[in-house]
Amino acid sequence: MIIFDIPYAPLHSGEWSVEVSNDGNPEFKSRHDALRFAVSSALKAHQQGNDSLITVEGIDGQWRMFDHRAKGVA
């Protein structure tokens, strides 16, 4: 399973990092770009037969889980 973690706050001023369980920590200029990367990468992983999970930290500090279609999972 490939996991994409996206924190609420930027890593540095104006730089969001996505922690990818199998591929390091790419950085992006906006949280939106980081989310777009995670969803796109999760969809590609699914198409290649791999399971994936996107976790996104909310402003409340809670981590929420989404599948490759950006649909929430329980």
PDB file of N, CA and C in Angstrom:
ATOM      1  N   MET A   1       0.839  -1.180   0.000  1.00  0.00           N
ATOM      2  CA  MET A   1       0.000   0.000   0.000  1.00  0.00           C
ATOM      3  C   MET A   1       0.882   1.240   0.000  1.00  0.00           C
ATOM      4  N   ILE A   2       0.513   2.187  -0.834  1.00  0.00           N
ATOM      5  CA  ILE A   2       1.222   3.464  -0.906  1.00  0.00           C
ATOM      6  C   ILE A   2       0.390   4.489  -0.142  1.00  0.00           C
ATOM      7  N   ILE A   3       1.033   5.197   0.778  1.00  0.00           N
ATOM      8  CA  ILE A   3       0.338   6.180   1.607  1.00  0.00           C
ATOM      9  C   ILE A   3       0.893   7.565   1.311  1.00  0.00           C
ATOM     10  N   PHE A   4      -0.017   8.516   1.117  1.00  0.00           N
ATOM     11  CA  PHE A   4       0.328   9.912   0.863  1.00  0.00           C
ATOM     12  C   PHE A   4      -0.179  10.729   2.045  1.00  0.00           C
ATOM     13  N   ASP A   5       0.737  11.344   2.810  1.00  0.00           N
ATOM     14  CA  ASP A   5       0.372  12.164   3.970  1.00  0.00           C
ATOM     15  C   ASP A   5       0.552  13.636   3.620  1.00  0.00           C
ATOM     16  N   ILE A   6      -0.524  14.416   3.837  1.00  0.00           N
ATOM     17  CA  ILE A   6      -0.466  15.853   3.558  1.00  0.00           C
ATOM     18  C   ILE A   6      -0.813  16.606   4.842  1.00  0.00           C
ATOM     19  N   PRO A   7       0.171  17.283   5.447  1.00  0.00           N
ATOM     20  CA  PRO A   7      -0.105  18.035   6.673  1.00  0.00           C
ATOM     21  C   PRO A   7      -0.898  19.309   6.379  1.00  0.00           C
ATOM     22  N   TYR A   8      -1.499  19.858   7.433  1.00  0.00           N
ATOM     23  CA  TYR A   8      -2.265  21.096   7.265  1.00  0.00           C
ATOM     24  C   TYR A   8      -1.347  22.289   6.996  1.00  0.00           C
ATOM     25  N   ALA A   9      -0.287  22.389   7.766  1.00  0.00           N
ATOM     26  CA  ALA A   9       0.613  23.545   7.673  1.00  0.00           C
ATOM     27  C   ALA A   9       1.747  23.266   6.691  1.00  0.00           C
ATOM     28  N   PRO A  10       2.250  24.321   6.061  1.00  0.00           N
ATOM     29  CA  PRO A  10       3.385  24.126   5.152  1.00  0.00           C
ATOM     30  C   PRO A  10       4.639  23.724   5.916  1.00  0.00           C
ATOM     31  N   LEU A  11       5.513  22.995   5.233  1.00  0.00           N
ATOM     32  CA  LEU A  11       6.787  22.582   5.810  1.00  0.00           C
ATOM     33  C   LEU A  11       7.654  23.811   6.076  1.00  0.00           C
ATOM     34  N   HIS A  12       7.751  24.654   5.086  1.00  0.00           N
ATOM     35  CA  HIS A  12       8.437  25.947   5.166  1.00  0.00           C
ATOM     36  C   HIS A  12       7.451  26.975   4.637  1.00  0.00           C
ATOM     37  N   SER A  13       7.763  28.224   4.755  1.00  0.00           N
ATOM     38  CA  SER A  13       6.867  29.258   4.258  1.00  0.00           C
ATOM     39  C   SER A  13       6.555  29.033   2.778  1.00  0.00           C
ATOM     40  N   GLY A  14       5.304  28.729   2.478  1.00  0.00           N
ATOM     41  CA  GLY A  14       4.880  28.556   1.096  1.00  0.00           C
ATOM     42  C   GLY A  14       5.287  27.253   0.443  1.00  0.00           C
ATOM     43  N   GLU A  15       5.695  26.247   1.225  1.00  0.00           N
ATOM     44  CA  GLU A  15       6.092  24.955   0.657  1.00  0.00           C
ATOM     45  C   GLU A  15       5.411  23.819   1.404  1.00  0.00           C
ATOM     46  N   TRP A  16       4.541  23.104   0.710  1.00  0.00           N
ATOM     47  CA  TRP A  16       3.863  21.950   1.299  1.00  0.00           C
ATOM     48  C   TRP A  16       4.566  20.685   0.863  1.00  0.00           C
ATOM     49  N   SER A  17       4.749  19.798   1.798  1.00  0.00           N
ATOM     50  CA  SER A  17       5.404  18.527   1.537  1.00  0.00           C
ATOM     51  C   SER A  17       4.369  17.410   1.579  1.00  0.00           C
ATOM     52  N   VAL A  18       4.511  16.456   0.675  1.00  0.00           N
ATOM     53  CA  VAL A  18       3.686  15.250   0.696  1.00  0.00           C
ATOM     54  C   VAL A  18       4.618  14.101   1.039  1.00  0.00           C
ATOM     55  N   GLU A  19       4.369  13.456   2.162  1.00  0.00           N
ATOM     56  CA  GLU A  19       5.177  12.293   2.518  1.00  0.00           C
ATOM     57  C   GLU A  19       4.591  11.085   1.804  1.00  0.00           C
ATOM     58  N   VAL A  20       5.391  10.499   0.925  1.00  0.00           N
ATOM     59  CA  VAL A  20       4.962   9.337   0.157  1.00  0.00           C
ATOM     60  C   VAL A  20       5.698   8.126   0.720  1.00  0.00           C
ATOM     61  N   SER A  21       4.953   7.104   1.108  1.00  0.00           N
ATOM     62  CA  SER A  21       5.551   5.968   1.812  1.00  0.00           C
ATOM     63  C   SER A  21       6.616   5.238   1.005  1.00  0.00           C
ATOM     64  N   ASN A  22       6.570   5.328  -0.313  1.00  0.00           N
ATOM     65  CA  ASN A  22       7.560   4.605  -1.119  1.00  0.00           C
ATOM     66  C   ASN A  22       8.440   5.522  -1.967  1.00  0.00           C
ATOM     67  N   ASP A  23       8.365   6.853  -1.753  1.00  0.00           N
ATOM     68  CA  ASP A  23       9.051   7.733  -2.701  1.00  0.00           C
ATOM     69  C   ASP A  23       9.435   9.094  -2.143  1.00  0.00           C
ATOM     70  N   GLY A  24       9.770   9.197  -0.883  1.00  0.00           N
ATOM     71  CA  GLY A  24      10.282  10.461  -0.372  1.00  0.00           C
ATOM     72  C   GLY A  24       9.232  11.507  -0.066  1.00  0.00           C
ATOM     73  N   ASN A  25       9.634  12.784  -0.179  1.00  0.00           N
ATOM     74  CA  ASN A  25       8.801  13.910   0.201  1.00  0.00           C
ATOM     75  C   ASN A  25       8.831  15.017  -0.851  1.00  0.00           C
ATOM     76  N   PRO A  26       8.073  14.889  -1.938  1.00  0.00           N
ATOM     77  CA  PRO A  26       8.046  15.987  -2.900  1.00  0.00           C
ATOM     78  C   PRO A  26       7.417  17.235  -2.268  1.00  0.00           C
ATOM     79  N   GLU A  27       7.858  18.409  -2.705  1.00  0.00           N
ATOM     80  CA  GLU A  27       7.353  19.672  -2.167  1.00  0.00           C
ATOM     81  C   GLU A  27       6.621  20.452  -3.245  1.00  0.00           C
ATOM     82  N   PHE A  28       5.622  21.243  -2.802  1.00  0.00           N
ATOM     83  CA  PHE A  28       4.771  21.989  -3.719  1.00  0.00           C
ATOM     84  C   PHE A  28       4.563  23.399  -3.208  1.00  0.00           C
ATOM     85  N   LYS A  29       4.217  24.314  -4.104  1.00  0.00           N
ATOM     86  CA  LYS A  29       4.049  25.720  -3.748  1.00  0.00           C
ATOM     87  C   LYS A  29       2.717  26.009  -3.059  1.00  0.00           C
ATOM     88  N   SER A  30       1.754  25.078  -3.149  1.00  0.00           N
ATOM     89  CA  SER A  30       0.470  25.275  -2.483  1.00  0.00           C
ATOM     90  C   SER A  30      -0.069  23.939  -1.976  1.00  0.00           C
ATOM     91  N   ARG A  31      -0.960  24.022  -1.014  1.00  0.00           N
ATOM     92  CA  ARG A  31      -1.600  22.804  -0.494  1.00  0.00           C
ATOM     93  C   ARG A  31      -2.458  22.170  -1.585  1.00  0.00           C
ATOM     94  N   HIS A  32      -3.087  23.003  -2.384  1.00  0.00           N
ATOM     95  CA  HIS A  32      -3.900  22.503  -3.495  1.00  0.00           C
ATOM     96  C   HIS A  32      -3.055  21.677  -4.458  1.00  0.00           C
ATOM     97  N   ASP A  33      -1.863  22.151  -4.791  1.00  0.00           N
ATOM     98  CA  ASP A  33      -0.960  21.393  -5.670  1.00  0.00           C
ATOM     99  C   ASP A  33      -0.543  20.070  -5.020  1.00  0.00           C
ATOM    100  N   ALA A  34      -0.313  20.095  -3.712  1.00  0.00           N
ATOM    101  CA  ALA A  34       0.054  18.872  -2.999  1.00  0.00           C
ATOM    102  C   ALA A  34      -1.092  17.861  -3.041  1.00  0.00           C
ATOM    103  N   LEU A  35      -2.312  18.334  -2.837  1.00  0.00           N
ATOM    104  CA  LEU A  35      -3.484  17.458  -2.911  1.00  0.00           C
ATOM    105  C   LEU A  35      -3.669  16.899  -4.314  1.00  0.00           C
ATOM    106  N   ARG A  36      -3.508  17.750  -5.307  1.00  0.00           N
ATOM    107  CA  ARG A  36      -3.642  17.311  -6.703  1.00  0.00           C
ATOM    108  C   ARG A  36      -2.620  16.212  -7.020  1.00  0.00           C
ATOM    109  N   PHE A  37      -1.383  16.386  -6.570  1.00  0.00           N
ATOM    110  CA  PHE A  37      -0.348  15.379  -6.776  1.00  0.00           C
ATOM    111  C   PHE A  37      -0.732  14.061  -6.110  1.00  0.00           C
ATOM    112  N   ALA A  38      -1.188  14.126  -4.859  1.00  0.00           N
ATOM    113  CA  ALA A  38      -1.523  12.909  -4.119  1.00  0.00           C
ATOM    114  C   ALA A  38      -2.661  12.146  -4.784  1.00  0.00           C
ATOM    115  N   VAL A  39      -3.710  12.848  -5.200  1.00  0.00           N
ATOM    116  CA  VAL A  39      -4.846  12.181  -5.848  1.00  0.00           C
ATOM    117  C   VAL A  39      -4.421  11.586  -7.182  1.00  0.00           C
ATOM    118  N   SER A  40      -3.677  12.344  -7.966  1.00  0.00           N
ATOM    119  CA  SER A  40      -3.208  11.849  -9.266  1.00  0.00           C
ATOM    120  C   SER A  40      -2.309  10.625  -9.100  1.00  0.00           C
ATOM    121  N   SER A  41      -1.399  10.685  -8.152  1.00  0.00           N
ATOM    122  CA  SER A  41      -0.480   9.568  -7.916  1.00  0.00           C
ATOM    123  C   SER A  41      -1.208   8.347  -7.370  1.00  0.00           C
ATOM    124  N   ALA A  42      -2.183   8.570  -6.497  1.00  0.00           N
ATOM    125  CA  ALA A  42      -2.962   7.455  -5.948  1.00  0.00           C
ATOM    126  C   ALA A  42      -3.777   6.783  -7.047  1.00  0.00           C
ATOM    127  N   LEU A  43      -4.328   7.566  -7.956  1.00  0.00           N
ATOM    128  CA  LEU A  43      -5.090   7.003  -9.075  1.00  0.00           C
ATOM    129  C   LEU A  43      -4.181   6.175  -9.979  1.00  0.00           C
ATOM    130  N   LYS A  44      -2.988   6.689 -10.274  1.00  0.00           N
ATOM    131  CA  LYS A  44      -2.028   5.931 -11.089  1.00  0.00           C
ATOM    132  C   LYS A  44      -1.643   4.624 -10.398  1.00  0.00           C
ATOM    133  N   ALA A  45      -1.417   4.683  -9.097  1.00  0.00           N
ATOM    134  CA  ALA A  45      -1.066   3.476  -8.343  1.00  0.00           C
ATOM    135  C   ALA A  45      -2.199   2.457  -8.425  1.00  0.00           C
ATOM    136  N   HIS A  46      -3.428   2.922  -8.285  1.00  0.00           N
ATOM    137  CA  HIS A  46      -4.590   2.033  -8.366  1.00  0.00           C
ATOM    138  C   HIS A  46      -4.677   1.384  -9.750  1.00  0.00           C
ATOM    139  N   GLN A  47      -4.437   2.167 -10.786  1.00  0.00           N
ATOM    140  CA  GLN A  47      -4.488   1.644 -12.156  1.00  0.00           C
ATOM    141  C   GLN A  47      -3.406   0.596 -12.400  1.00  0.00           C
ATOM    142  N   GLN A  48      -2.326   0.662 -11.629  1.00  0.00           N
ATOM    143  CA  GLN A  48      -1.242  -0.316 -11.748  1.00  0.00           C
ATOM    144  C   GLN A  48      -1.438  -1.498 -10.796  1.00  0.00           C
ATOM    145  N   GLY A  49      -2.585  -1.526 -10.113  1.00  0.00           N
ATOM    146  CA  GLY A  49      -2.900  -2.647  -9.239  1.00  0.00           C
ATOM    147  C   GLY A  49      -2.453  -2.506  -7.802  1.00  0.00           C
ATOM    148  N   ASN A  50      -2.005  -1.324  -7.413  1.00  0.00           N
ATOM    149  CA  ASN A  50      -1.555  -1.088  -6.037  1.00  0.00           C
ATOM    150  C   ASN A  50      -2.649  -0.410  -5.218  1.00  0.00           C
ATOM    151  N   ASP A  51      -2.714  -0.736  -3.944  1.00  0.00           N
ATOM    152  CA  ASP A  51      -3.614  -0.033  -3.032  1.00  0.00           C
ATOM    153  C   ASP A  51      -2.954   1.273  -2.622  1.00  0.00           C
ATOM    154  N   SER A  52      -3.784   2.290  -2.366  1.00  0.00           N
ATOM    155  CA  SER A  52      -3.234   3.569  -1.925  1.00  0.00           C
ATOM    156  C   SER A  52      -4.198   4.227  -0.951  1.00  0.00           C
ATOM    157  N   LEU A  53      -3.656   5.117  -0.140  1.00  0.00           N
ATOM    158  CA  LEU A  53      -4.429   5.843   0.847  1.00  0.00           C
ATOM    159  C   LEU A  53      -3.870   7.256   0.925  1.00  0.00           C
ATOM    160  N   ILE A  54      -4.760   8.231   0.918  1.00  0.00           N
ATOM    161  CA  ILE A  54      -4.368   9.631   1.068  1.00  0.00           C
ATOM    162  C   ILE A  54      -4.847  10.079   2.441  1.00  0.00           C
ATOM    163  N   THR A  55      -3.942  10.596   3.257  1.00  0.00           N
ATOM    164  CA  THR A  55      -4.335  11.138   4.556  1.00  0.00           C
ATOM    165  C   THR A  55      -4.058  12.635   4.552  1.00  0.00           C
ATOM    166  N   VAL A  56      -5.047  13.398   5.012  1.00  0.00           N
ATOM    167  CA  VAL A  56      -4.963  14.856   4.989  1.00  0.00           C
ATOM    168  C   VAL A  56      -5.269  15.385   6.387  1.00  0.00           C
ATOM    169  N   GLU A  57      -4.367  16.204   6.905  1.00  0.00           N
ATOM    170  CA  GLU A  57      -4.575  16.803   8.224  1.00  0.00           C
ATOM    171  C   GLU A  57      -5.460  18.037   8.090  1.00  0.00           C
ATOM    172  N   GLY A  58      -6.497  18.111   8.913  1.00  0.00           N
ATOM    173  CA  GLY A  58      -7.377  19.274   8.921  1.00  0.00           C
ATOM    174  C   GLY A  58      -6.885  20.345   9.874  1.00  0.00           C
ATOM    175  N   ILE A  59      -7.521  21.504   9.826  1.00  0.00           N
ATOM    176  CA  ILE A  59      -7.154  22.612  10.703  1.00  0.00           C
ATOM    177  C   ILE A  59      -7.307  22.227  12.177  1.00  0.00           C
ATOM    178  N   ASP A  60      -8.180  21.243  12.449  1.00  0.00           N
ATOM    179  CA  ASP A  60      -8.413  20.782  13.815  1.00  0.00           C
ATOM    180  C   ASP A  60      -7.382  19.764  14.294  1.00  0.00           C
ATOM    181  N   GLY A  61      -6.406  19.447  13.436  1.00  0.00           N
ATOM    182  CA  GLY A  61      -5.361  18.496  13.806  1.00  0.00           C
ATOM    183  C   GLY A  61      -5.730  17.043  13.555  1.00  0.00           C
ATOM    184  N   GLN A  62      -6.953  16.797  13.128  1.00  0.00           N
ATOM    185  CA  GLN A  62      -7.403  15.435  12.838  1.00  0.00           C
ATOM    186  C   GLN A  62      -6.972  15.031  11.433  1.00  0.00           C
ATOM    187  N   TRP A  63      -6.530  13.781  11.305  1.00  0.00           N
ATOM    188  CA  TRP A  63      -6.140  13.246  10.006  1.00  0.00           C
ATOM    189  C   TRP A  63      -7.329  12.508   9.409  1.00  0.00           C
ATOM    190  N   ARG A  64      -7.638  12.809   8.159  1.00  0.00           N
ATOM    191  CA  ARG A  64      -8.750  12.176   7.469  1.00  0.00           C
ATOM    192  C   ARG A  64      -8.217  11.357   6.308  1.00  0.00           C
ATOM    193  N   MET A  65      -8.878  10.231   6.056  1.00  0.00           N
ATOM    194  CA  MET A  65      -8.407   9.292   5.037  1.00  0.00           C
ATOM    195  C   MET A  65      -9.299   9.327   3.798  1.00  0.00           C
ATOM    196  N   PHE A  66      -8.642   9.231   2.636  1.00  0.00           N
ATOM    197  CA  PHE A  66      -9.336   9.241   1.352  1.00  0.00           C
ATOM    198  C   PHE A  66      -8.742   8.168   0.452  1.00  0.00           C
ATOM    199  N   ASP A  67      -9.572   7.660  -0.451  1.00  0.00           N
ATOM    200  CA  ASP A  67      -9.077   6.662  -1.402  1.00  0.00           C
ATOM    201  C   ASP A  67      -8.555   7.346  -2.668  1.00  0.00           C
ATOM    202  N   HIS A  68      -8.247   6.559  -3.685  1.00  0.00           N
ATOM    203  CA  HIS A  68      -7.667   7.085  -4.923  1.00  0.00           C
ATOM    204  C   HIS A  68      -8.637   7.972  -5.704  1.00  0.00           C
ATOM    205  N   ARG A  69      -9.919   7.957  -5.352  1.00  0.00           N
ATOM    206  CA  ARG A  69     -10.912   8.816  -6.003  1.00  0.00           C
ATOM    207  C   ARG A  69     -11.205  10.056  -5.170  1.00  0.00           C
ATOM    208  N   ALA A  70     -10.443  10.258  -4.108  1.00  0.00           N
ATOM    209  CA  ALA A  70     -10.631  11.361  -3.160  1.00  0.00           C
ATOM    210  C   ALA A  70     -11.957  11.234  -2.425  1.00  0.00           C
ATOM    211  N   LYS A  71     -12.431  10.007  -2.261  1.00  0.00           N
ATOM    212  CA  LYS A  71     -13.643   9.724  -1.482  1.00  0.00           C
ATOM    213  C   LYS A  71     -13.210   9.349  -0.069  1.00  0.00           C
ATOM    214  N   GLY A  72     -13.902   9.880   0.909  1.00  0.00           N
ATOM    215  CA  GLY A  72     -13.571   9.574   2.294  1.00  0.00           C
ATOM    216  C   GLY A  72     -13.748   8.098   2.613  1.00  0.00           C
ATOM    217  N   VAL A  73     -12.878   7.578   3.453  1.00  0.00           N
ATOM    218  CA  VAL A  73     -12.986   6.192   3.914  1.00  0.00           C
ATOM    219  C   VAL A  73     -13.097   6.198   5.432  1.00  0.00           C
ATOM    220  N   ALA A  74     -13.838   5.252   5.952  1.00  0.00           N
ATOM    221  CA  ALA A  74     -14.062   5.195   7.405  1.00  0.00           C
ATOM    222  C   ALA A  74     -12.902   4.553   8.117  1.00  0.00           C
TER     223      ALA A  74
END
